[in-house]
């Protein structure tokens, strides 16, 4: 089974994907991690990469082709990406949502994000930028919850509660 996790910035996508993969004994793929590595390899910031993605569509297309190839050659993995529900047709698709204030708090406390609270507010705009870019590229709205099998508001939930909830929903719809 492929489990594709998408959602808003700061909703817990990376954390939940990692914990779910551990719980299931599945491999984990994170497009965000690949983007960070891509940026690091070129000595640019993630923000600079995001600006490049707006003008150079080939960057998005390379990441997207990688996702497509995964779904064609592998099974039993968790992938965390805004577009994975689009590319992973046979996946169980999950969207994570969260209150904006909580998202800002999470992002500003994330050592990987390395941002001050003021900067974290700007990251909320990234959802809209990504939504616009992905609609232009693929006519896919990652914020439209109709594209998902399961939508979870993570605002007031603990990680283990979210994992248990997902496992319960998966087991009631598909065999693991």
N, C-alpha and C. Protein backbone atom coordinates (compact mmCIF):
# COMPACT_ATOMS: atom_id res chain seq x y z
N UNK A 1 0.84 -1.18 0.00
CA UNK A 1 0.00 0.00 0.00
C UNK A 1 0.88 1.25 0.00
N UNK A 2 0.50 2.21 -0.81
CA UNK A 2 1.16 3.51 -0.83
C UNK A 2 0.28 4.48 -0.06
N UNK A 3 0.91 5.24 0.83
CA UNK A 3 0.19 6.26 1.59
C UNK A 3 0.81 7.60 1.24
N UNK A 4 -0.01 8.48 0.65
CA UNK A 4 0.44 9.79 0.21
C UNK A 4 -0.09 10.85 1.17
N UNK A 5 0.83 11.61 1.76
CA UNK A 5 0.45 12.63 2.73
C UNK A 5 0.76 14.01 2.17
N UNK A 6 -0.26 14.84 2.17
CA UNK A 6 -0.14 16.22 1.72
C UNK A 6 -0.75 17.11 2.81
N UNK A 7 -0.72 18.40 2.57
CA UNK A 7 -1.34 19.30 3.54
C UNK A 7 -0.65 20.64 3.56
N UNK A 8 -1.11 21.46 4.49
CA UNK A 8 -0.59 22.81 4.63
C UNK A 8 0.75 22.81 5.36
N UNK A 9 1.54 23.84 5.11
CA UNK A 9 2.81 24.02 5.82
C UNK A 9 2.53 24.10 7.32
N UNK A 10 3.29 23.34 8.10
CA UNK A 10 3.14 23.36 9.54
C UNK A 10 2.02 22.50 10.09
N UNK A 11 1.39 21.71 9.23
CA UNK A 11 0.28 20.86 9.69
C UNK A 11 0.78 19.54 10.27
N UNK A 12 2.05 19.23 10.09
CA UNK A 12 2.62 18.00 10.63
C UNK A 12 2.92 16.93 9.59
N UNK A 13 2.95 17.30 8.33
CA UNK A 13 3.15 16.32 7.26
C UNK A 13 4.40 15.48 7.46
N UNK A 14 5.53 16.13 7.67
CA UNK A 14 6.80 15.40 7.80
C UNK A 14 6.80 14.50 9.03
N UNK A 15 6.36 15.03 10.14
CA UNK A 15 6.34 14.27 11.39
C UNK A 15 5.43 13.06 11.28
N UNK A 16 4.24 13.28 10.76
CA UNK A 16 3.27 12.19 10.65
C UNK A 16 3.74 11.15 9.64
N UNK A 17 4.29 11.60 8.52
CA UNK A 17 4.79 10.65 7.51
C UNK A 17 5.88 9.77 8.11
N UNK A 18 6.81 10.40 8.83
CA UNK A 18 7.92 9.65 9.44
C UNK A 18 7.40 8.63 10.46
N UNK A 19 6.52 9.06 11.34
CA UNK A 19 6.00 8.17 12.38
C UNK A 19 5.14 7.06 11.79
N UNK A 20 4.36 7.38 10.77
CA UNK A 20 3.51 6.37 10.13
C UNK A 20 4.37 5.32 9.43
N UNK A 21 5.40 5.77 8.73
CA UNK A 21 6.31 4.83 8.06
C UNK A 21 6.97 3.91 9.08
N UNK A 22 7.41 4.46 10.20
CA UNK A 22 8.01 3.65 11.27
C UNK A 22 7.02 2.62 11.80
N UNK A 23 5.82 3.07 12.07
CA UNK A 23 4.77 2.20 12.62
C UNK A 23 4.46 1.03 11.68
N UNK A 24 4.42 1.33 10.39
CA UNK A 24 4.07 0.30 9.39
C UNK A 24 5.28 -0.49 8.91
N UNK A 25 6.48 -0.02 9.21
CA UNK A 25 7.68 -0.65 8.68
C UNK A 25 7.85 -0.39 7.19
N UNK A 26 7.35 0.76 6.73
CA UNK A 26 7.43 1.15 5.33
C UNK A 26 8.60 2.10 5.12
N UNK A 27 9.04 2.19 3.89
CA UNK A 27 10.04 3.17 3.51
C UNK A 27 9.36 4.54 3.45
N UNK A 28 10.13 5.58 3.74
CA UNK A 28 9.61 6.95 3.72
C UNK A 28 10.30 7.75 2.63
N UNK A 29 9.50 8.48 1.86
CA UNK A 29 10.01 9.43 0.89
C UNK A 29 9.46 10.81 1.23
N UNK A 30 10.31 11.81 1.17
CA UNK A 30 9.90 13.19 1.44
C UNK A 30 10.43 14.09 0.34
N UNK A 31 9.52 14.68 -0.40
CA UNK A 31 9.93 15.59 -1.46
C UNK A 31 10.55 16.85 -0.84
N UNK A 32 10.07 17.25 0.32
CA UNK A 32 10.67 18.39 1.01
C UNK A 32 12.13 18.14 1.33
N UNK A 33 12.47 16.93 1.80
CA UNK A 33 13.86 16.59 2.07
C UNK A 33 14.69 16.61 0.79
N UNK A 34 14.11 16.11 -0.30
CA UNK A 34 14.81 16.14 -1.59
C UNK A 34 15.05 17.58 -2.06
N UNK A 35 14.06 18.44 -1.83
CA UNK A 35 14.23 19.84 -2.21
C UNK A 35 15.32 20.51 -1.38
N UNK A 36 15.35 20.23 -0.08
CA UNK A 36 16.39 20.79 0.78
C UNK A 36 17.78 20.33 0.31
N UNK A 37 17.90 19.04 -0.05
CA UNK A 37 19.18 18.52 -0.53
C UNK A 37 19.55 19.18 -1.86
N UNK A 38 18.59 19.31 -2.74
CA UNK A 38 18.80 19.97 -4.03
C UNK A 38 19.33 21.39 -3.80
N UNK A 39 18.71 22.13 -2.89
CA UNK A 39 19.14 23.50 -2.59
C UNK A 39 20.54 23.51 -1.97
N UNK A 40 20.77 22.63 -1.00
CA UNK A 40 22.08 22.55 -0.34
C UNK A 40 23.18 22.24 -1.34
N UNK A 41 22.92 21.29 -2.24
CA UNK A 41 23.91 20.91 -3.24
C UNK A 41 24.30 22.07 -4.16
N UNK A 42 23.41 23.03 -4.27
CA UNK A 42 23.66 24.18 -5.14
C UNK A 42 24.01 25.44 -4.35
N UNK A 43 24.18 25.26 -3.03
CA UNK A 43 24.51 26.38 -2.14
C UNK A 43 23.51 27.52 -2.23
N UNK A 44 22.23 27.15 -2.31
CA UNK A 44 21.17 28.15 -2.29
C UNK A 44 20.21 27.81 -1.16
N UNK A 45 19.47 28.79 -0.72
CA UNK A 45 18.49 28.56 0.34
C UNK A 45 17.24 27.92 -0.25
N UNK A 46 16.42 27.37 0.61
CA UNK A 46 15.14 26.80 0.17
C UNK A 46 14.26 27.89 -0.43
N UNK A 47 14.33 29.08 0.13
CA UNK A 47 13.56 30.21 -0.42
C UNK A 47 14.04 30.56 -1.83
N UNK A 48 15.35 30.50 -2.05
CA UNK A 48 15.88 30.76 -3.39
C UNK A 48 15.43 29.68 -4.37
N UNK A 49 15.39 28.43 -3.89
CA UNK A 49 14.90 27.34 -4.73
C UNK A 49 13.44 27.58 -5.10
N UNK A 50 12.65 28.01 -4.13
CA UNK A 50 11.23 28.26 -4.38
C UNK A 50 11.05 29.34 -5.45
N UNK A 51 11.91 30.36 -5.41
CA UNK A 51 11.86 31.41 -6.43
C UNK A 51 12.23 30.85 -7.80
N UNK A 52 13.25 29.98 -7.82
CA UNK A 52 13.66 29.34 -9.09
C UNK A 52 12.54 28.48 -9.65
N UNK A 53 11.84 27.76 -8.77
CA UNK A 53 10.75 26.89 -9.23
C UNK A 53 9.66 27.69 -9.95
N UNK A 54 9.47 28.94 -9.54
CA UNK A 54 8.45 29.77 -10.17
C UNK A 54 8.80 30.11 -11.62
N UNK A 55 10.10 30.20 -11.90
CA UNK A 55 10.50 30.60 -13.26
C UNK A 55 11.05 29.44 -14.09
N UNK A 56 11.52 28.39 -13.43
CA UNK A 56 12.08 27.24 -14.14
C UNK A 56 11.24 26.00 -13.84
N UNK A 57 10.30 25.73 -14.70
CA UNK A 57 9.35 24.62 -14.50
C UNK A 57 10.04 23.26 -14.49
N UNK A 58 11.24 23.18 -15.05
CA UNK A 58 11.93 21.89 -15.11
C UNK A 58 12.28 21.36 -13.72
N UNK A 59 12.45 22.26 -12.75
CA UNK A 59 12.76 21.82 -11.39
C UNK A 59 11.58 21.04 -10.82
N UNK A 60 10.39 21.62 -10.91
CA UNK A 60 9.18 20.91 -10.47
C UNK A 60 9.02 19.60 -11.22
N UNK A 61 9.22 19.65 -12.51
CA UNK A 61 9.01 18.46 -13.34
C UNK A 61 9.97 17.34 -12.95
N UNK A 62 11.21 17.66 -12.61
CA UNK A 62 12.16 16.64 -12.16
C UNK A 62 11.69 15.97 -10.87
N UNK A 63 11.26 16.77 -9.89
CA UNK A 63 10.74 16.21 -8.63
C UNK A 63 9.49 15.37 -8.90
N UNK A 64 8.65 15.85 -9.80
CA UNK A 64 7.40 15.16 -10.10
C UNK A 64 7.63 13.84 -10.83
N UNK A 65 8.59 13.83 -11.76
CA UNK A 65 8.92 12.59 -12.45
C UNK A 65 9.46 11.55 -11.47
N UNK A 66 10.21 12.01 -10.49
CA UNK A 66 10.71 11.11 -9.44
C UNK A 66 9.54 10.45 -8.70
N UNK A 67 8.54 11.24 -8.36
CA UNK A 67 7.37 10.69 -7.68
C UNK A 67 6.63 9.68 -8.55
N UNK A 68 6.45 10.04 -9.80
CA UNK A 68 5.76 9.12 -10.73
C UNK A 68 6.49 7.79 -10.81
N UNK A 69 7.81 7.84 -10.91
CA UNK A 69 8.58 6.60 -11.03
C UNK A 69 8.46 5.74 -9.78
N UNK A 70 8.39 6.37 -8.62
CA UNK A 70 8.22 5.60 -7.38
C UNK A 70 6.94 4.79 -7.41
N UNK A 71 5.85 5.43 -7.82
CA UNK A 71 4.56 4.74 -7.80
C UNK A 71 4.50 3.61 -8.82
N UNK A 72 5.34 3.68 -9.83
CA UNK A 72 5.36 2.64 -10.86
C UNK A 72 6.22 1.45 -10.49
N UNK A 73 7.24 1.66 -9.64
CA UNK A 73 8.17 0.56 -9.37
C UNK A 73 8.17 0.06 -7.94
N UNK A 74 7.49 0.76 -7.03
CA UNK A 74 7.52 0.35 -5.63
C UNK A 74 6.11 0.28 -5.05
N UNK A 75 6.05 -0.38 -3.89
CA UNK A 75 4.81 -0.45 -3.12
C UNK A 75 5.20 -0.42 -1.65
N UNK A 76 4.23 -0.28 -0.79
CA UNK A 76 4.46 -0.26 0.65
C UNK A 76 5.45 0.82 1.07
N UNK A 77 5.06 2.06 0.83
CA UNK A 77 5.84 3.20 1.30
C UNK A 77 4.91 4.36 1.64
N UNK A 78 5.46 5.29 2.39
CA UNK A 78 4.77 6.54 2.73
C UNK A 78 5.53 7.64 2.01
N UNK A 79 4.78 8.53 1.36
CA UNK A 79 5.41 9.67 0.69
C UNK A 79 4.74 10.94 1.16
N UNK A 80 5.57 11.93 1.43
CA UNK A 80 5.09 13.23 1.89
C UNK A 80 5.44 14.26 0.84
N UNK A 81 4.40 14.82 0.21
CA UNK A 81 4.58 15.79 -0.85
C UNK A 81 3.23 16.42 -1.16
N UNK A 82 3.26 17.64 -1.57
CA UNK A 82 2.01 18.33 -1.93
C UNK A 82 1.34 17.68 -3.13
N UNK A 83 2.15 17.13 -4.03
CA UNK A 83 1.61 16.55 -5.26
C UNK A 83 1.49 15.03 -5.25
N UNK A 84 1.94 14.39 -4.20
CA UNK A 84 1.89 12.92 -4.20
C UNK A 84 0.47 12.38 -4.40
N UNK A 85 -0.57 13.03 -3.86
CA UNK A 85 -1.91 12.51 -4.15
C UNK A 85 -2.28 12.58 -5.63
N UNK A 86 -1.70 13.50 -6.35
CA UNK A 86 -1.95 13.62 -7.78
C UNK A 86 -1.24 12.51 -8.55
N UNK A 87 0.02 12.26 -8.19
CA UNK A 87 0.81 11.29 -8.93
C UNK A 87 0.60 9.85 -8.47
N UNK A 88 0.21 9.65 -7.26
CA UNK A 88 0.05 8.30 -6.69
C UNK A 88 -1.43 7.90 -6.77
N UNK A 89 -1.85 7.52 -7.96
CA UNK A 89 -3.28 7.24 -8.20
C UNK A 89 -3.83 6.14 -7.30
N UNK A 90 -3.01 5.11 -7.01
CA UNK A 90 -3.51 3.99 -6.23
C UNK A 90 -3.23 4.14 -4.73
N UNK A 91 -2.77 5.31 -4.33
CA UNK A 91 -2.43 5.54 -2.92
C UNK A 91 -3.66 5.85 -2.08
N UNK A 92 -3.50 5.64 -0.77
CA UNK A 92 -4.45 6.15 0.20
C UNK A 92 -3.99 7.58 0.48
N UNK A 93 -4.85 8.55 0.18
CA UNK A 93 -4.44 9.95 0.17
C UNK A 93 -4.94 10.68 1.42
N UNK A 94 -3.99 11.31 2.12
CA UNK A 94 -4.29 11.99 3.38
C UNK A 94 -3.92 13.47 3.26
N UNK A 95 -4.83 14.33 3.74
CA UNK A 95 -4.57 15.77 3.80
C UNK A 95 -4.57 16.20 5.26
N UNK A 96 -3.49 16.88 5.67
CA UNK A 96 -3.39 17.39 7.03
C UNK A 96 -3.61 18.90 7.02
N UNK A 97 -4.51 19.34 7.89
CA UNK A 97 -4.84 20.74 8.04
C UNK A 97 -4.51 21.16 9.47
N UNK A 98 -4.49 22.45 9.72
CA UNK A 98 -4.18 22.94 11.06
C UNK A 98 -4.51 24.43 11.12
N UNK A 99 -4.88 24.88 12.29
CA UNK A 99 -5.14 26.29 12.55
C UNK A 99 -3.89 27.12 12.23
N UNK A 100 -4.07 28.29 11.62
CA UNK A 100 -2.93 29.12 11.20
C UNK A 100 -2.02 29.50 12.36
N UNK A 101 -2.58 29.88 13.50
CA UNK A 101 -1.73 30.26 14.64
C UNK A 101 -0.88 29.09 15.12
N UNK A 102 -1.45 27.91 15.13
CA UNK A 102 -0.70 26.72 15.54
C UNK A 102 0.38 26.39 14.51
N UNK A 103 0.06 26.57 13.24
CA UNK A 103 1.04 26.32 12.18
C UNK A 103 2.23 27.25 12.34
N UNK A 104 1.97 28.52 12.59
CA UNK A 104 3.05 29.49 12.78
C UNK A 104 3.90 29.09 13.97
N UNK A 105 3.26 28.68 15.06
CA UNK A 105 4.00 28.26 16.25
C UNK A 105 4.88 27.05 15.94
N UNK A 106 4.33 26.07 15.24
CA UNK A 106 5.09 24.87 14.90
C UNK A 106 6.28 25.19 14.00
N UNK A 107 6.05 26.00 13.01
CA UNK A 107 7.11 26.33 12.06
C UNK A 107 8.22 27.10 12.76
N UNK A 108 7.85 28.05 13.62
CA UNK A 108 8.87 28.85 14.29
C UNK A 108 9.66 28.04 15.31
N UNK A 109 9.09 26.93 15.79
CA UNK A 109 9.79 26.07 16.74
C UNK A 109 10.54 24.91 16.08
N UNK A 110 10.43 24.80 14.75
CA UNK A 110 11.07 23.70 14.03
C UNK A 110 12.52 24.05 13.73
N UNK A 111 13.48 23.30 14.31
CA UNK A 111 14.89 23.63 14.06
C UNK A 111 15.28 23.50 12.58
N UNK A 112 14.61 22.62 11.83
CA UNK A 112 14.91 22.48 10.40
C UNK A 112 14.46 23.72 9.63
N UNK A 113 13.38 24.34 10.11
CA UNK A 113 12.86 25.52 9.42
C UNK A 113 13.76 26.74 9.63
N UNK A 114 14.35 26.85 10.83
CA UNK A 114 15.29 27.92 11.14
C UNK A 114 14.70 29.30 10.83
N UNK A 115 13.54 29.55 11.40
CA UNK A 115 12.84 30.80 11.13
C UNK A 115 12.38 31.47 12.42
N UNK A 116 12.32 32.78 12.40
CA UNK A 116 11.71 33.54 13.48
C UNK A 116 10.21 33.55 13.27
N UNK A 117 9.46 33.91 14.30
CA UNK A 117 8.00 33.92 14.20
C UNK A 117 7.54 34.84 13.07
N UNK A 118 8.17 36.00 12.94
CA UNK A 118 7.77 36.94 11.88
C UNK A 118 7.91 36.29 10.50
N UNK A 119 9.01 35.56 10.30
CA UNK A 119 9.23 34.89 9.03
C UNK A 119 8.25 33.75 8.83
N UNK A 120 7.83 33.13 9.91
CA UNK A 120 6.91 32.00 9.81
C UNK A 120 5.57 32.42 9.22
N UNK A 121 5.16 33.66 9.48
CA UNK A 121 3.90 34.12 8.90
C UNK A 121 3.98 34.12 7.38
N UNK A 122 5.17 34.41 6.86
CA UNK A 122 5.34 34.42 5.41
C UNK A 122 5.21 33.03 4.82
N UNK A 123 5.55 32.03 5.59
CA UNK A 123 5.49 30.67 5.05
C UNK A 123 4.05 30.24 4.79
N UNK A 124 3.12 30.85 5.49
CA UNK A 124 1.71 30.53 5.26
C UNK A 124 1.29 30.94 3.85
N UNK A 125 1.94 31.97 3.32
CA UNK A 125 1.67 32.39 1.94
C UNK A 125 2.14 31.34 0.94
N UNK A 126 3.08 30.50 1.37
CA UNK A 126 3.61 29.47 0.49
C UNK A 126 2.50 28.53 0.01
N UNK A 127 1.53 28.26 0.88
CA UNK A 127 0.41 27.40 0.46
C UNK A 127 -0.28 27.97 -0.78
N UNK A 128 -0.52 29.26 -0.77
CA UNK A 128 -1.20 29.90 -1.90
C UNK A 128 -0.29 29.92 -3.13
N UNK A 129 0.99 30.23 -2.93
CA UNK A 129 1.94 30.21 -4.05
C UNK A 129 2.01 28.83 -4.68
N UNK A 130 2.12 27.80 -3.83
CA UNK A 130 2.18 26.42 -4.35
C UNK A 130 0.87 26.04 -5.03
N UNK A 131 -0.24 26.44 -4.43
CA UNK A 131 -1.53 26.14 -5.02
C UNK A 131 -1.62 26.71 -6.43
N UNK A 132 -1.21 27.96 -6.59
CA UNK A 132 -1.26 28.62 -7.90
C UNK A 132 -0.33 27.93 -8.89
N UNK A 133 0.92 27.67 -8.47
CA UNK A 133 1.91 27.04 -9.35
C UNK A 133 1.46 25.64 -9.79
N UNK A 134 0.93 24.87 -8.85
CA UNK A 134 0.55 23.49 -9.17
C UNK A 134 -0.72 23.43 -10.02
N UNK A 135 -1.60 24.39 -9.83
CA UNK A 135 -2.77 24.46 -10.71
C UNK A 135 -2.34 24.76 -12.14
N UNK A 136 -1.36 25.67 -12.28
CA UNK A 136 -0.87 26.02 -13.61
C UNK A 136 -0.18 24.83 -14.27
N UNK A 137 0.63 24.11 -13.51
CA UNK A 137 1.38 22.98 -14.07
C UNK A 137 0.50 21.77 -14.35
N UNK A 138 -0.37 21.43 -13.40
CA UNK A 138 -1.08 20.15 -13.47
C UNK A 138 -2.60 20.24 -13.34
N UNK A 139 -3.11 21.44 -13.18
CA UNK A 139 -4.53 21.61 -12.91
C UNK A 139 -4.96 20.79 -11.69
N UNK A 140 -4.10 20.80 -10.67
CA UNK A 140 -4.37 20.08 -9.43
C UNK A 140 -4.30 21.06 -8.27
N UNK A 141 -5.36 21.09 -7.47
CA UNK A 141 -5.43 21.97 -6.30
C UNK A 141 -5.17 21.12 -5.06
N UNK A 142 -3.96 21.20 -4.54
CA UNK A 142 -3.62 20.38 -3.39
C UNK A 142 -4.39 20.79 -2.14
N UNK A 143 -4.97 21.98 -2.12
CA UNK A 143 -5.76 22.42 -0.97
C UNK A 143 -7.22 21.98 -1.04
N UNK A 144 -7.64 21.44 -2.16
CA UNK A 144 -9.02 20.96 -2.31
C UNK A 144 -9.16 19.60 -1.65
N UNK A 145 -9.84 19.56 -0.53
CA UNK A 145 -9.93 18.32 0.26
C UNK A 145 -10.72 17.21 -0.43
N UNK A 146 -11.38 17.52 -1.52
CA UNK A 146 -12.09 16.47 -2.28
C UNK A 146 -11.11 15.50 -2.93
N UNK A 147 -9.83 15.91 -3.02
CA UNK A 147 -8.81 15.07 -3.65
C UNK A 147 -8.25 14.00 -2.71
N UNK A 148 -8.79 13.86 -1.51
CA UNK A 148 -8.20 12.99 -0.49
C UNK A 148 -9.21 11.98 0.06
N UNK A 149 -8.65 10.85 0.52
CA UNK A 149 -9.46 9.83 1.17
C UNK A 149 -9.71 10.16 2.63
N UNK A 150 -8.82 10.95 3.22
CA UNK A 150 -8.91 11.26 4.64
C UNK A 150 -8.36 12.67 4.86
N UNK A 151 -9.12 13.49 5.59
CA UNK A 151 -8.72 14.85 5.94
C UNK A 151 -8.69 14.94 7.46
N UNK A 152 -7.58 15.42 8.01
CA UNK A 152 -7.42 15.49 9.47
C UNK A 152 -7.00 16.89 9.86
N UNK A 153 -7.72 17.48 10.82
CA UNK A 153 -7.30 18.73 11.43
C UNK A 153 -6.42 18.36 12.61
N UNK A 154 -5.13 18.65 12.50
CA UNK A 154 -4.15 18.22 13.50
C UNK A 154 -3.96 19.24 14.64
N UNK A 155 -4.71 20.34 14.61
CA UNK A 155 -4.50 21.44 15.55
C UNK A 155 -4.40 20.99 17.00
N UNK A 156 -5.35 20.21 17.44
CA UNK A 156 -5.41 19.83 18.86
C UNK A 156 -5.15 18.35 19.09
N UNK A 157 -4.45 17.72 18.16
CA UNK A 157 -4.19 16.29 18.29
C UNK A 157 -2.72 16.03 18.57
N UNK A 158 -2.46 14.99 19.34
CA UNK A 158 -1.08 14.54 19.58
C UNK A 158 -0.69 13.60 18.44
N UNK A 159 0.60 13.46 18.24
CA UNK A 159 1.12 12.64 17.14
C UNK A 159 0.56 11.22 17.20
N UNK A 160 0.60 10.60 18.38
CA UNK A 160 0.12 9.22 18.49
C UNK A 160 -1.38 9.13 18.19
N UNK A 161 -2.15 10.15 18.50
CA UNK A 161 -3.58 10.15 18.19
C UNK A 161 -3.80 10.20 16.68
N UNK A 162 -3.01 11.00 16.01
CA UNK A 162 -3.13 11.11 14.55
C UNK A 162 -2.75 9.79 13.89
N UNK A 163 -1.66 9.19 14.35
CA UNK A 163 -1.22 7.90 13.78
C UNK A 163 -2.29 6.83 14.00
N UNK A 164 -2.81 6.74 15.22
CA UNK A 164 -3.86 5.75 15.51
C UNK A 164 -5.10 5.98 14.65
N UNK A 165 -5.46 7.24 14.46
CA UNK A 165 -6.62 7.58 13.65
C UNK A 165 -6.40 7.14 12.19
N UNK A 166 -5.23 7.44 11.66
CA UNK A 166 -4.92 7.05 10.28
C UNK A 166 -4.93 5.53 10.14
N UNK A 167 -4.28 4.83 11.04
CA UNK A 167 -4.24 3.37 10.97
C UNK A 167 -5.64 2.77 11.03
N UNK A 168 -6.49 3.33 11.87
CA UNK A 168 -7.87 2.86 11.97
C UNK A 168 -8.61 3.07 10.66
N UNK A 169 -8.45 4.24 10.06
CA UNK A 169 -9.14 4.53 8.79
C UNK A 169 -8.61 3.67 7.65
N UNK A 170 -7.30 3.47 7.62
CA UNK A 170 -6.72 2.63 6.57
C UNK A 170 -7.20 1.20 6.70
N UNK A 171 -7.19 0.68 7.92
CA UNK A 171 -7.59 -0.71 8.12
C UNK A 171 -9.07 -0.94 7.82
N UNK A 172 -9.87 0.12 7.96
CA UNK A 172 -11.30 -0.05 7.67
C UNK A 172 -11.61 0.10 6.18
N UNK A 173 -10.66 0.60 5.39
CA UNK A 173 -10.92 0.77 3.95
C UNK A 173 -10.10 -0.16 3.08
N UNK A 174 -8.89 -0.52 3.54
CA UNK A 174 -8.01 -1.37 2.75
C UNK A 174 -7.22 -2.27 3.70
N UNK A 175 -6.83 -3.39 3.20
CA UNK A 175 -5.97 -4.26 3.99
C UNK A 175 -4.54 -3.81 3.91
N UNK A 176 -3.85 -3.79 5.07
CA UNK A 176 -2.43 -3.40 5.08
C UNK A 176 -1.57 -4.53 4.58
